[in-house]
Amino acid sequence: MTAMRTAEIIRHTTETKIDLHLTLEGTGQYKVSTGIRFFDHMLELFTRHGAFDLTLTCKGDLDVDQHHTVEDVGIALGEAFARAVGDKKGINRAGYFLMPMDETLAIAAIDLSGRTAYAVDTKVRTRLVGDLQSELVTDFFEGFARGAHANVHVKTMYGRSNHHKIEAIFKAFARALRVAVSRDQQLAETLPSTKGLL
């Protein structure tokens, strides 16, 4: 039986204190607390739809702003995925998913390429969705791309509900990432790159 891939990240700065444990071969179990309830909800459904297990606590300087909390959680989560996949031999490396959520449709595409790039288009024009500053969705995905050294592209194609627009993106992202980190029996010990380095 192949060993389960896990990672633990402890990231304590003057702005945030993050403790995170991730299991890739999970069942969607989560225990998440960031102090921003809508953000917690997005991380919870991300975990469930990705079939990962995630324990994450973040104590951030929310009295200043939500930015440090959201960005730093993205960075730490990206670092956890990078650490858990290890040398990347035998993984799919890339994944994409098209996610409908009622009247909304969102797409996510991910490449664990070793290079950092991101593109985010939520089509959300309100300042807040729930208690989350909506512009920080971009900061989360930028942080994740930096932490994971990955290409992350997420986009709402269309929709009415701002809640659904963000939720569909997180669900699509989870399912695309699930494909990218999954092991491919055909690749086995092969690095999914012609460069010989990822």
N, C-alpha and C. Protein backbone atom coordinates (compact mmCIF):
# COMPACT_ATOMS: atom_id res chain seq x y z
N MET A 1 0.85 -1.19 0.00
CA MET A 1 0.00 0.00 0.00
C MET A 1 0.89 1.25 0.00
N THR A 2 0.53 2.22 -0.82
CA THR A 2 1.29 3.46 -0.93
C THR A 2 1.06 4.34 0.30
N ALA A 3 2.14 4.93 0.78
CA ALA A 3 2.06 5.78 1.97
C ALA A 3 1.19 7.00 1.70
N MET A 4 0.47 7.41 2.73
CA MET A 4 -0.34 8.62 2.63
C MET A 4 0.57 9.84 2.61
N ARG A 5 0.19 10.83 1.85
CA ARG A 5 1.00 12.05 1.73
C ARG A 5 0.42 13.13 2.63
N THR A 6 1.24 13.61 3.53
CA THR A 6 0.80 14.60 4.51
C THR A 6 1.81 15.73 4.59
N ALA A 7 1.37 16.83 5.18
CA ALA A 7 2.27 17.95 5.42
C ALA A 7 1.77 18.73 6.63
N GLU A 8 2.72 19.26 7.37
CA GLU A 8 2.40 20.13 8.50
C GLU A 8 3.13 21.45 8.29
N ILE A 9 2.40 22.54 8.41
CA ILE A 9 2.97 23.87 8.26
C ILE A 9 2.70 24.67 9.52
N ILE A 10 3.74 25.22 10.09
CA ILE A 10 3.61 26.16 11.20
C ILE A 10 4.22 27.47 10.70
N ARG A 11 3.37 28.45 10.52
CA ARG A 11 3.80 29.73 9.96
C ARG A 11 3.37 30.85 10.90
N HIS A 12 4.30 31.29 11.72
CA HIS A 12 4.01 32.33 12.69
C HIS A 12 4.78 33.59 12.33
N THR A 13 4.06 34.68 12.09
CA THR A 13 4.66 35.98 11.81
C THR A 13 4.07 37.00 12.78
N THR A 14 4.48 38.24 12.66
CA THR A 14 3.89 39.28 13.50
C THR A 14 2.45 39.59 13.11
N GLU A 15 2.03 39.12 11.93
CA GLU A 15 0.69 39.42 11.43
C GLU A 15 -0.28 38.25 11.58
N THR A 16 0.23 37.03 11.43
CA THR A 16 -0.63 35.84 11.54
C THR A 16 0.13 34.69 12.20
N LYS A 17 -0.64 33.84 12.87
CA LYS A 17 -0.11 32.60 13.42
C LYS A 17 -0.95 31.46 12.86
N ILE A 18 -0.33 30.69 11.97
CA ILE A 18 -1.04 29.63 11.26
C ILE A 18 -0.46 28.27 11.62
N ASP A 19 -1.34 27.35 11.98
CA ASP A 19 -0.98 25.95 12.21
C ASP A 19 -1.88 25.11 11.31
N LEU A 20 -1.25 24.26 10.50
CA LEU A 20 -1.98 23.58 9.43
C LEU A 20 -1.49 22.14 9.31
N HIS A 21 -2.42 21.22 9.18
CA HIS A 21 -2.08 19.83 8.87
C HIS A 21 -2.95 19.37 7.70
N LEU A 22 -2.32 18.81 6.68
CA LEU A 22 -3.00 18.40 5.45
C LEU A 22 -2.70 16.95 5.13
N THR A 23 -3.73 16.21 4.74
CA THR A 23 -3.58 14.86 4.21
C THR A 23 -4.23 14.83 2.83
N LEU A 24 -3.45 14.45 1.83
CA LEU A 24 -3.99 14.42 0.47
C LEU A 24 -4.98 13.28 0.28
N GLU A 25 -4.65 12.10 0.80
CA GLU A 25 -5.54 10.95 0.67
C GLU A 25 -6.54 10.94 1.83
N GLY A 26 -7.41 11.91 1.83
CA GLY A 26 -8.35 12.06 2.93
C GLY A 26 -9.76 11.68 2.53
N THR A 27 -10.70 12.11 3.36
CA THR A 27 -12.12 11.85 3.10
C THR A 27 -12.93 13.12 3.22
N GLY A 28 -12.26 14.27 3.16
CA GLY A 28 -12.97 15.54 3.22
C GLY A 28 -13.27 16.02 4.62
N GLN A 29 -12.49 15.54 5.60
CA GLN A 29 -12.70 15.97 6.98
C GLN A 29 -11.96 17.28 7.23
N TYR A 30 -12.58 18.17 7.98
CA TYR A 30 -11.96 19.48 8.20
C TYR A 30 -12.25 20.00 9.61
N LYS A 31 -11.32 20.82 10.05
CA LYS A 31 -11.49 21.63 11.26
C LYS A 31 -10.76 22.93 10.96
N VAL A 32 -11.53 23.97 10.67
CA VAL A 32 -10.96 25.22 10.15
C VAL A 32 -11.44 26.40 10.99
N SER A 33 -10.51 27.27 11.34
CA SER A 33 -10.87 28.49 12.06
C SER A 33 -9.90 29.61 11.68
N THR A 34 -10.43 30.64 11.01
CA THR A 34 -9.60 31.78 10.60
C THR A 34 -10.09 33.10 11.20
N GLY A 35 -11.27 33.08 11.82
CA GLY A 35 -11.85 34.32 12.31
C GLY A 35 -12.72 35.02 11.28
N ILE A 36 -12.78 34.49 10.07
CA ILE A 36 -13.63 35.03 9.00
C ILE A 36 -14.56 33.89 8.58
N ARG A 37 -15.80 33.95 8.96
CA ARG A 37 -16.68 32.79 8.81
C ARG A 37 -16.92 32.39 7.35
N PHE A 38 -17.10 33.35 6.46
CA PHE A 38 -17.31 32.99 5.06
C PHE A 38 -16.06 32.33 4.48
N PHE A 39 -14.89 32.81 4.87
CA PHE A 39 -13.63 32.21 4.41
C PHE A 39 -13.50 30.79 4.95
N ASP A 40 -13.87 30.59 6.23
CA ASP A 40 -13.89 29.23 6.79
C ASP A 40 -14.76 28.32 5.93
N HIS A 41 -15.94 28.81 5.58
CA HIS A 41 -16.88 28.02 4.78
C HIS A 41 -16.26 27.63 3.44
N MET A 42 -15.55 28.54 2.79
CA MET A 42 -14.90 28.24 1.51
C MET A 42 -13.82 27.18 1.69
N LEU A 43 -13.05 27.27 2.76
CA LEU A 43 -11.99 26.29 3.02
C LEU A 43 -12.58 24.93 3.38
N GLU A 44 -13.71 24.94 4.06
CA GLU A 44 -14.37 23.69 4.41
C GLU A 44 -14.89 22.97 3.16
N LEU A 45 -15.55 23.71 2.28
CA LEU A 45 -16.07 23.05 1.08
C LEU A 45 -14.95 22.69 0.12
N PHE A 46 -13.86 23.48 0.12
CA PHE A 46 -12.67 23.12 -0.64
C PHE A 46 -12.15 21.76 -0.19
N THR A 47 -12.07 21.57 1.13
CA THR A 47 -11.57 20.31 1.68
C THR A 47 -12.48 19.15 1.33
N ARG A 48 -13.77 19.35 1.47
CA ARG A 48 -14.73 18.28 1.17
C ARG A 48 -14.72 17.90 -0.30
N HIS A 49 -14.73 18.89 -1.19
CA HIS A 49 -14.77 18.60 -2.62
C HIS A 49 -13.44 18.06 -3.15
N GLY A 50 -12.34 18.40 -2.48
CA GLY A 50 -11.05 17.87 -2.88
C GLY A 50 -10.75 16.51 -2.28
N ALA A 51 -11.59 16.07 -1.32
CA ALA A 51 -11.37 14.82 -0.59
C ALA A 51 -10.02 14.83 0.13
N PHE A 52 -9.64 16.01 0.63
CA PHE A 52 -8.46 16.14 1.46
C PHE A 52 -8.92 16.13 2.92
N ASP A 53 -7.99 15.99 3.86
CA ASP A 53 -8.28 16.24 5.27
C ASP A 53 -7.45 17.45 5.67
N LEU A 54 -8.09 18.40 6.36
CA LEU A 54 -7.41 19.66 6.69
C LEU A 54 -7.78 20.12 8.09
N THR A 55 -6.74 20.35 8.87
CA THR A 55 -6.90 21.05 10.15
C THR A 55 -6.12 22.35 10.01
N LEU A 56 -6.80 23.48 10.23
CA LEU A 56 -6.17 24.78 10.01
C LEU A 56 -6.70 25.78 11.02
N THR A 57 -5.79 26.41 11.74
CA THR A 57 -6.17 27.53 12.59
C THR A 57 -5.29 28.72 12.22
N CYS A 58 -5.90 29.88 12.16
CA CYS A 58 -5.17 31.12 11.89
C CYS A 58 -5.66 32.19 12.85
N LYS A 59 -4.73 32.74 13.60
CA LYS A 59 -5.02 33.88 14.45
C LYS A 59 -4.31 35.08 13.83
N GLY A 60 -5.09 35.91 13.15
CA GLY A 60 -4.51 37.04 12.42
C GLY A 60 -4.91 38.38 13.01
N ASP A 61 -4.28 39.41 12.49
CA ASP A 61 -4.54 40.78 12.95
C ASP A 61 -5.78 41.35 12.27
N LEU A 62 -6.91 40.74 12.55
CA LEU A 62 -8.16 41.15 11.91
C LEU A 62 -8.60 42.54 12.34
N ASP A 63 -8.04 43.03 13.45
CA ASP A 63 -8.33 44.40 13.86
C ASP A 63 -7.71 45.41 12.89
N VAL A 64 -6.68 44.97 12.15
CA VAL A 64 -6.06 45.81 11.12
C VAL A 64 -6.84 45.68 9.82
N ASP A 65 -6.97 44.43 9.36
CA ASP A 65 -7.61 44.16 8.07
C ASP A 65 -7.65 42.65 7.90
N GLN A 66 -8.44 42.16 6.95
CA GLN A 66 -8.50 40.72 6.67
C GLN A 66 -7.37 40.26 5.74
N HIS A 67 -6.69 41.20 5.11
CA HIS A 67 -5.74 40.86 4.05
C HIS A 67 -4.67 39.87 4.51
N HIS A 68 -4.00 40.13 5.63
CA HIS A 68 -2.92 39.26 6.07
C HIS A 68 -3.41 37.84 6.32
N THR A 69 -4.58 37.73 6.93
CA THR A 69 -5.14 36.40 7.23
C THR A 69 -5.39 35.62 5.95
N VAL A 70 -6.08 36.22 5.01
CA VAL A 70 -6.48 35.51 3.79
C VAL A 70 -5.26 35.16 2.93
N GLU A 71 -4.37 36.13 2.74
CA GLU A 71 -3.18 35.87 1.92
C GLU A 71 -2.27 34.83 2.56
N ASP A 72 -2.03 34.96 3.87
CA ASP A 72 -1.11 34.04 4.54
C ASP A 72 -1.66 32.62 4.60
N VAL A 73 -2.97 32.48 4.75
CA VAL A 73 -3.58 31.14 4.69
C VAL A 73 -3.36 30.55 3.30
N GLY A 74 -3.52 31.37 2.26
CA GLY A 74 -3.25 30.89 0.89
C GLY A 74 -1.82 30.41 0.73
N ILE A 75 -0.87 31.20 1.24
CA ILE A 75 0.54 30.82 1.14
C ILE A 75 0.80 29.52 1.89
N ALA A 76 0.32 29.43 3.13
CA ALA A 76 0.56 28.24 3.95
C ALA A 76 -0.08 26.99 3.33
N LEU A 77 -1.28 27.14 2.79
CA LEU A 77 -1.95 25.99 2.17
C LEU A 77 -1.20 25.56 0.91
N GLY A 78 -0.73 26.53 0.13
CA GLY A 78 0.08 26.19 -1.04
C GLY A 78 1.36 25.47 -0.65
N GLU A 79 2.03 25.95 0.40
CA GLU A 79 3.24 25.29 0.89
C GLU A 79 2.96 23.87 1.34
N ALA A 80 1.79 23.67 1.97
CA ALA A 80 1.42 22.34 2.43
C ALA A 80 1.25 21.38 1.26
N PHE A 81 0.60 21.83 0.19
CA PHE A 81 0.43 20.97 -0.98
C PHE A 81 1.78 20.67 -1.63
N ALA A 82 2.63 21.67 -1.73
CA ALA A 82 3.96 21.45 -2.31
C ALA A 82 4.74 20.42 -1.51
N ARG A 83 4.68 20.53 -0.20
CA ARG A 83 5.40 19.60 0.67
C ARG A 83 4.81 18.20 0.59
N ALA A 84 3.48 18.11 0.55
CA ALA A 84 2.82 16.80 0.55
C ALA A 84 3.07 16.02 -0.74
N VAL A 85 3.12 16.70 -1.89
CA VAL A 85 3.36 15.97 -3.14
C VAL A 85 4.84 15.61 -3.32
N GLY A 86 5.73 16.27 -2.58
CA GLY A 86 7.14 15.89 -2.61
C GLY A 86 7.79 16.15 -3.95
N ASP A 87 8.47 15.13 -4.48
CA ASP A 87 9.24 15.32 -5.72
C ASP A 87 8.38 15.31 -6.99
N LYS A 88 7.08 15.11 -6.83
CA LYS A 88 6.08 15.17 -7.92
C LYS A 88 6.14 13.99 -8.88
N LYS A 89 6.98 13.02 -8.61
CA LYS A 89 7.02 11.85 -9.48
C LYS A 89 5.69 11.11 -9.41
N GLY A 90 5.17 10.76 -10.58
CA GLY A 90 3.97 9.95 -10.66
C GLY A 90 2.66 10.68 -10.47
N ILE A 91 2.68 12.01 -10.33
CA ILE A 91 1.41 12.73 -10.20
C ILE A 91 0.92 13.21 -11.56
N ASN A 92 -0.35 13.55 -11.64
CA ASN A 92 -0.89 14.08 -12.88
C ASN A 92 -0.30 15.44 -13.22
N ARG A 93 0.02 16.22 -12.19
CA ARG A 93 0.61 17.54 -12.29
C ARG A 93 -0.41 18.63 -12.61
N ALA A 94 -1.28 18.42 -13.55
CA ALA A 94 -2.25 19.44 -13.96
C ALA A 94 -3.66 18.90 -13.83
N GLY A 95 -4.59 19.82 -13.62
CA GLY A 95 -5.99 19.43 -13.54
C GLY A 95 -6.88 20.62 -13.82
N TYR A 96 -8.10 20.34 -14.26
CA TYR A 96 -9.07 21.42 -14.47
C TYR A 96 -10.45 20.90 -14.14
N PHE A 97 -11.36 21.82 -13.85
CA PHE A 97 -12.73 21.41 -13.55
C PHE A 97 -13.68 22.56 -13.87
N LEU A 98 -14.82 22.21 -14.41
CA LEU A 98 -15.89 23.16 -14.71
C LEU A 98 -17.01 22.89 -13.72
N MET A 99 -17.33 23.88 -12.87
CA MET A 99 -18.26 23.65 -11.76
C MET A 99 -19.53 24.48 -11.89
N PRO A 100 -20.68 23.84 -12.08
CA PRO A 100 -21.94 24.57 -12.03
C PRO A 100 -22.41 24.69 -10.59
N MET A 101 -22.98 25.82 -10.25
CA MET A 101 -23.64 25.98 -8.96
C MET A 101 -24.89 26.81 -9.18
N ASP A 102 -25.99 26.11 -9.33
CA ASP A 102 -27.26 26.75 -9.65
C ASP A 102 -27.09 27.60 -10.91
N GLU A 103 -27.27 28.93 -10.82
CA GLU A 103 -27.22 29.79 -12.01
C GLU A 103 -25.80 30.20 -12.39
N THR A 104 -24.83 29.75 -11.61
CA THR A 104 -23.43 30.18 -11.78
C THR A 104 -22.59 29.05 -12.37
N LEU A 105 -21.61 29.43 -13.18
CA LEU A 105 -20.66 28.46 -13.72
C LEU A 105 -19.25 29.01 -13.53
N ALA A 106 -18.37 28.17 -12.98
CA ALA A 106 -16.98 28.59 -12.74
C ALA A 106 -16.02 27.52 -13.25
N ILE A 107 -14.83 27.96 -13.58
CA ILE A 107 -13.80 27.05 -14.08
C ILE A 107 -12.50 27.28 -13.30
N ALA A 108 -11.77 26.20 -13.08
CA ALA A 108 -10.45 26.28 -12.46
C ALA A 108 -9.49 25.38 -13.21
N ALA A 109 -8.27 25.85 -13.40
CA ALA A 109 -7.22 25.06 -14.02
C ALA A 109 -5.93 25.27 -13.23
N ILE A 110 -5.21 24.19 -12.97
CA ILE A 110 -4.02 24.22 -12.11
C ILE A 110 -2.92 23.40 -12.75
N ASP A 111 -1.71 23.93 -12.67
CA ASP A 111 -0.52 23.19 -13.08
C ASP A 111 0.53 23.35 -11.99
N LEU A 112 0.92 22.23 -11.40
CA LEU A 112 1.97 22.24 -10.36
C LEU A 112 3.33 22.25 -11.06
N SER A 113 3.58 23.32 -11.75
CA SER A 113 4.69 23.43 -12.71
C SER A 113 6.01 23.82 -12.08
N GLY A 114 5.98 24.28 -10.82
CA GLY A 114 7.20 24.84 -10.22
C GLY A 114 7.35 26.31 -10.50
N ARG A 115 6.44 26.87 -11.30
CA ARG A 115 6.46 28.30 -11.63
C ARG A 115 5.21 28.96 -11.08
N THR A 116 5.36 30.15 -10.56
CA THR A 116 4.25 30.86 -9.94
C THR A 116 3.57 31.79 -10.93
N ALA A 117 2.27 31.57 -11.13
CA ALA A 117 1.45 32.47 -11.95
C ALA A 117 0.01 32.29 -11.51
N TYR A 118 -0.77 33.34 -11.63
CA TYR A 118 -2.17 33.23 -11.25
C TYR A 118 -3.01 34.20 -12.08
N ALA A 119 -4.26 33.84 -12.28
CA ALA A 119 -5.24 34.71 -12.93
C ALA A 119 -6.58 34.42 -12.26
N VAL A 120 -7.19 35.47 -11.75
CA VAL A 120 -8.44 35.32 -10.99
C VAL A 120 -9.46 36.32 -11.52
N ASP A 121 -10.65 35.83 -11.83
CA ASP A 121 -11.75 36.70 -12.26
C ASP A 121 -13.03 36.18 -11.61
N THR A 122 -13.41 36.79 -10.49
CA THR A 122 -14.59 36.32 -9.76
C THR A 122 -15.89 36.91 -10.30
N LYS A 123 -15.79 38.04 -10.98
CA LYS A 123 -16.96 38.80 -11.42
C LYS A 123 -17.82 39.29 -10.23
N VAL A 124 -17.21 39.35 -9.06
CA VAL A 124 -17.91 39.88 -7.88
C VAL A 124 -17.63 41.37 -7.79
N ARG A 125 -18.68 42.17 -7.68
CA ARG A 125 -18.52 43.63 -7.67
C ARG A 125 -18.94 44.25 -6.33
N THR A 126 -19.34 43.43 -5.38
CA THR A 126 -19.69 43.95 -4.06
C THR A 126 -18.47 43.88 -3.15
N ARG A 127 -18.41 44.77 -2.15
CA ARG A 127 -17.25 44.83 -1.26
C ARG A 127 -17.18 43.62 -0.34
N LEU A 128 -18.33 43.18 0.15
CA LEU A 128 -18.39 42.06 1.08
C LEU A 128 -19.26 40.95 0.53
N VAL A 129 -18.84 39.71 0.75
CA VAL A 129 -19.70 38.55 0.57
C VAL A 129 -19.67 37.82 1.91
N GLY A 130 -20.82 37.78 2.57
CA GLY A 130 -20.81 37.37 3.96
C GLY A 130 -19.97 38.37 4.73
N ASP A 131 -19.01 37.87 5.51
CA ASP A 131 -18.11 38.77 6.24
C ASP A 131 -16.73 38.85 5.60
N LEU A 132 -16.60 38.36 4.37
CA LEU A 132 -15.31 38.36 3.67
C LEU A 132 -15.21 39.54 2.70
N GLN A 133 -14.09 40.27 2.76
CA GLN A 133 -13.82 41.30 1.76
C GLN A 133 -13.56 40.60 0.44
N SER A 134 -14.45 40.79 -0.52
CA SER A 134 -14.45 39.96 -1.73
C SER A 134 -13.18 40.11 -2.56
N GLU A 135 -12.52 41.27 -2.52
CA GLU A 135 -11.31 41.44 -3.32
C GLU A 135 -10.18 40.51 -2.85
N LEU A 136 -10.30 40.00 -1.62
CA LEU A 136 -9.24 39.15 -1.06
C LEU A 136 -9.26 37.73 -1.62
N VAL A 137 -10.31 37.37 -2.36
CA VAL A 137 -10.30 36.06 -3.03
C VAL A 137 -9.08 35.98 -3.95
N THR A 138 -8.79 37.06 -4.64
CA THR A 138 -7.60 37.09 -5.51
C THR A 138 -6.33 36.91 -4.70
N ASP A 139 -6.25 37.56 -3.53
CA ASP A 139 -5.06 37.45 -2.69
C ASP A 139 -4.86 36.02 -2.20
N PHE A 140 -5.96 35.31 -1.91
CA PHE A 140 -5.85 33.91 -1.49
C PHE A 140 -5.22 33.07 -2.59
N PHE A 141 -5.75 33.19 -3.81
CA PHE A 141 -5.24 32.35 -4.90
C PHE A 141 -3.82 32.76 -5.31
N GLU A 142 -3.51 34.04 -5.22
CA GLU A 142 -2.12 34.47 -5.46
C GLU A 142 -1.20 33.85 -4.41
N GLY A 143 -1.62 33.90 -3.15
CA GLY A 143 -0.83 33.30 -2.08
C GLY A 143 -0.63 31.81 -2.29
N PHE A 144 -1.70 31.11 -2.67
CA PHE A 144 -1.60 29.68 -2.92
C PHE A 144 -0.61 29.40 -4.04
N ALA A 145 -0.71 30.14 -5.14
CA ALA A 145 0.19 29.95 -6.28
C ALA A 145 1.65 30.15 -5.85
N ARG A 146 1.90 31.17 -5.00
CA ARG A 146 3.25 31.42 -4.52
C ARG A 146 3.74 30.29 -3.63
N GLY A 147 2.88 29.85 -2.71
CA GLY A 147 3.27 28.79 -1.78
C GLY A 147 3.49 27.45 -2.46
N ALA A 148 2.66 27.14 -3.44
CA ALA A 148 2.74 25.85 -4.13
C ALA A 148 3.66 25.88 -5.35
N HIS A 149 4.12 27.08 -5.75
CA HIS A 149 4.89 27.24 -7.00
C HIS A 149 4.09 26.63 -8.15
N ALA A 150 2.90 27.17 -8.32
CA ALA A 150 1.96 26.60 -9.28
C ALA A 150 1.33 27.69 -10.14
N ASN A 151 0.76 27.27 -11.26
CA ASN A 151 -0.09 28.13 -12.08
C ASN A 151 -1.52 27.89 -11.61
N VAL A 152 -2.21 28.93 -11.23
CA VAL A 152 -3.58 28.83 -10.75
C VAL A 152 -4.45 29.81 -11.54
N HIS A 153 -5.43 29.27 -12.24
CA HIS A 153 -6.36 30.09 -13.01
C HIS A 153 -7.77 29.75 -12.55
N VAL A 154 -8.52 30.74 -12.07
CA VAL A 154 -9.91 30.52 -11.67
C VAL A 154 -10.76 31.65 -12.23
N LYS A 155 -11.96 31.28 -12.68
CA LYS A 155 -12.81 32.30 -13.31
C LYS A 155 -14.28 31.93 -13.16
N THR A 156 -15.08 32.92 -12.82
CA THR A 156 -16.52 32.77 -12.93
C THR A 156 -16.91 33.09 -14.36
N MET A 157 -17.58 32.16 -15.01
CA MET A 157 -18.01 32.36 -16.38
C MET A 157 -19.23 33.28 -16.42
N TYR A 158 -20.18 33.01 -15.54
CA TYR A 158 -21.36 33.85 -15.41
C TYR A 158 -22.07 33.46 -14.12
N GLY A 159 -23.03 34.29 -13.70
CA GLY A 159 -23.79 34.00 -12.50
C GLY A 159 -24.46 35.25 -11.97
N ARG A 160 -25.37 35.07 -11.03
CA ARG A 160 -26.07 36.19 -10.41
C ARG A 160 -25.63 36.38 -8.96
N SER A 161 -25.65 35.30 -8.18
CA SER A 161 -25.35 35.37 -6.75
C SER A 161 -23.85 35.49 -6.52
N ASN A 162 -23.43 36.53 -5.79
CA ASN A 162 -22.02 36.68 -5.47
C ASN A 162 -21.51 35.56 -4.59
N HIS A 163 -22.35 35.08 -3.70
CA HIS A 163 -22.01 33.91 -2.87
C HIS A 163 -21.69 32.72 -3.78
N HIS A 164 -22.56 32.46 -4.74
CA HIS A 164 -22.37 31.33 -5.65
C HIS A 164 -21.12 31.49 -6.51
N LYS A 165 -20.83 32.73 -6.92
CA LYS A 165 -19.65 32.96 -7.76
C LYS A 165 -18.37 32.54 -7.05
N ILE A 166 -18.24 32.94 -5.80
CA ILE A 166 -17.03 32.58 -5.05
C ILE A 166 -17.04 31.10 -4.69
N GLU A 167 -18.19 30.60 -4.26
CA GLU A 167 -18.28 29.19 -3.87
C GLU A 167 -17.99 28.27 -5.04
N ALA A 168 -18.51 28.58 -6.22
CA ALA A 168 -18.26 27.74 -7.39
C ALA A 168 -16.77 27.72 -7.74
N ILE A 169 -16.10 28.86 -7.59
CA ILE A 169 -14.66 28.92 -7.85
C ILE A 169 -13.90 28.01 -6.89
N PHE A 170 -14.22 28.07 -5.61
CA PHE A 170 -13.52 27.24 -4.63
C PHE A 170 -13.78 25.75 -4.86
N LYS A 171 -15.00 25.40 -5.24
CA LYS A 171 -15.31 24.00 -5.53
C LYS A 171 -14.56 23.52 -6.77
N ALA A 172 -14.55 24.34 -7.81
CA ALA A 172 -13.82 23.98 -9.04
C ALA A 172 -12.33 23.84 -8.74
N PHE A 173 -11.80 24.76 -7.96
CA PHE A 173 -10.39 24.73 -7.57
C PHE A 173 -10.05 23.44 -6.83
N ALA A 174 -10.90 23.06 -5.88
CA ALA A 174 -10.67 21.83 -5.12
C ALA A 174 -10.62 20.61 -6.02
N ARG A 175 -11.57 20.53 -6.94
CA ARG A 175 -11.64 19.34 -7.79
C ARG A 175 -10.52 19.32 -8.85
N ALA A 176 -10.13 20.49 -9.31
CA ALA A 176 -8.99 20.55 -10.24
C ALA A 176 -7.70 20.15 -9.52
N LEU A 177 -7.53 20.62 -8.30
CA LEU A 177 -6.34 20.30 -7.52
C LEU A 177 -6.30 18.83 -7.15
N ARG A 178 -7.45 18.27 -6.87
CA ARG A 178 -7.53 16.83 -6.57
C ARG A 178 -6.99 16.00 -7.73
N VAL A 179 -7.33 16.40 -8.95
CA VAL A 179 -6.80 15.70 -10.13
C VAL A 179 -5.30 15.91 -10.25
N ALA A 180 -4.85 17.15 -10.06
CA ALA A 180 -3.43 17.47 -10.25
C ALA A 180 -2.52 16.70 -9.30
N VAL A 181 -2.93 16.53 -8.05
CA VAL A 181 -2.07 15.86 -7.07
C VAL A 181 -2.23 14.34 -7.09
N SER A 182 -3.24 13.85 -7.79
CA SER A 182 -3.48 12.41 -7.81
C SER A 182 -2.35 11.66 -8.50
N ARG A 183 -2.09 10.47 -8.01
CA ARG A 183 -1.07 9.63 -8.61
C ARG A 183 -1.63 8.96 -9.86
N ASP A 184 -0.78 8.86 -10.87
CA ASP A 184 -1.13 8.22 -12.13
C ASP A 184 -0.31 6.94 -12.24
N GLN A 185 -0.98 5.78 -12.20
CA GLN A 185 -0.26 4.49 -12.22
C GLN A 185 0.59 4.34 -13.47
N GLN A 186 0.13 4.90 -14.56
CA GLN A 186 0.89 4.80 -15.81
C GLN A 186 2.20 5.58 -15.73
N LEU A 187 2.17 6.72 -14.99
CA LEU A 187 3.39 7.52 -14.84
C LEU A 187 4.34 6.92 -13.81
N ALA A 188 3.77 6.27 -12.79
CA ALA A 188 4.55 5.61 -11.73
C ALA A 188 5.63 6.53 -11.18
N GLU A 189 6.90 6.22 -11.44
CA GLU A 189 8.01 7.01 -10.90
C GLU A 189 8.51 8.07 -11.88
N THR A 190 7.72 8.34 -12.91
CA THR A 190 8.12 9.30 -13.92
C THR A 190 7.79 10.72 -13.48
N LEU A 191 8.70 11.63 -13.69
CA LEU A 191 8.45 13.03 -13.44
C LEU A 191 7.66 13.59 -14.62
N PRO A 192 6.50 14.22 -14.39
CA PRO A 192 5.68 14.69 -15.51
C PRO A 192 6.23 15.97 -16.13
N SER A 193 7.43 15.88 -16.71
CA SER A 193 8.05 17.02 -17.36
C SER A 193 9.18 16.52 -18.27
N THR A 194 9.35 17.15 -19.42
CA THR A 194 10.47 16.80 -20.30
C THR A 194 11.76 17.49 -19.86
N LYS A 195 11.65 18.45 -18.93
CA LYS A 195 12.83 19.18 -18.47
C LYS A 195 13.67 18.38 -17.48
N GLY A 196 13.00 17.41 -16.83
CA GLY A 196 13.68 16.64 -15.79
C GLY A 196 13.68 17.36 -14.44
N LEU A 197 12.91 18.44 -14.36
CA LEU A 197 12.85 19.21 -13.11
C LEU A 197 11.52 19.93 -13.03
N LEU A 198 10.92 19.87 -11.84
CA LEU A 198 9.67 20.62 -11.59
C LEU A 198 9.84 21.38 -10.29
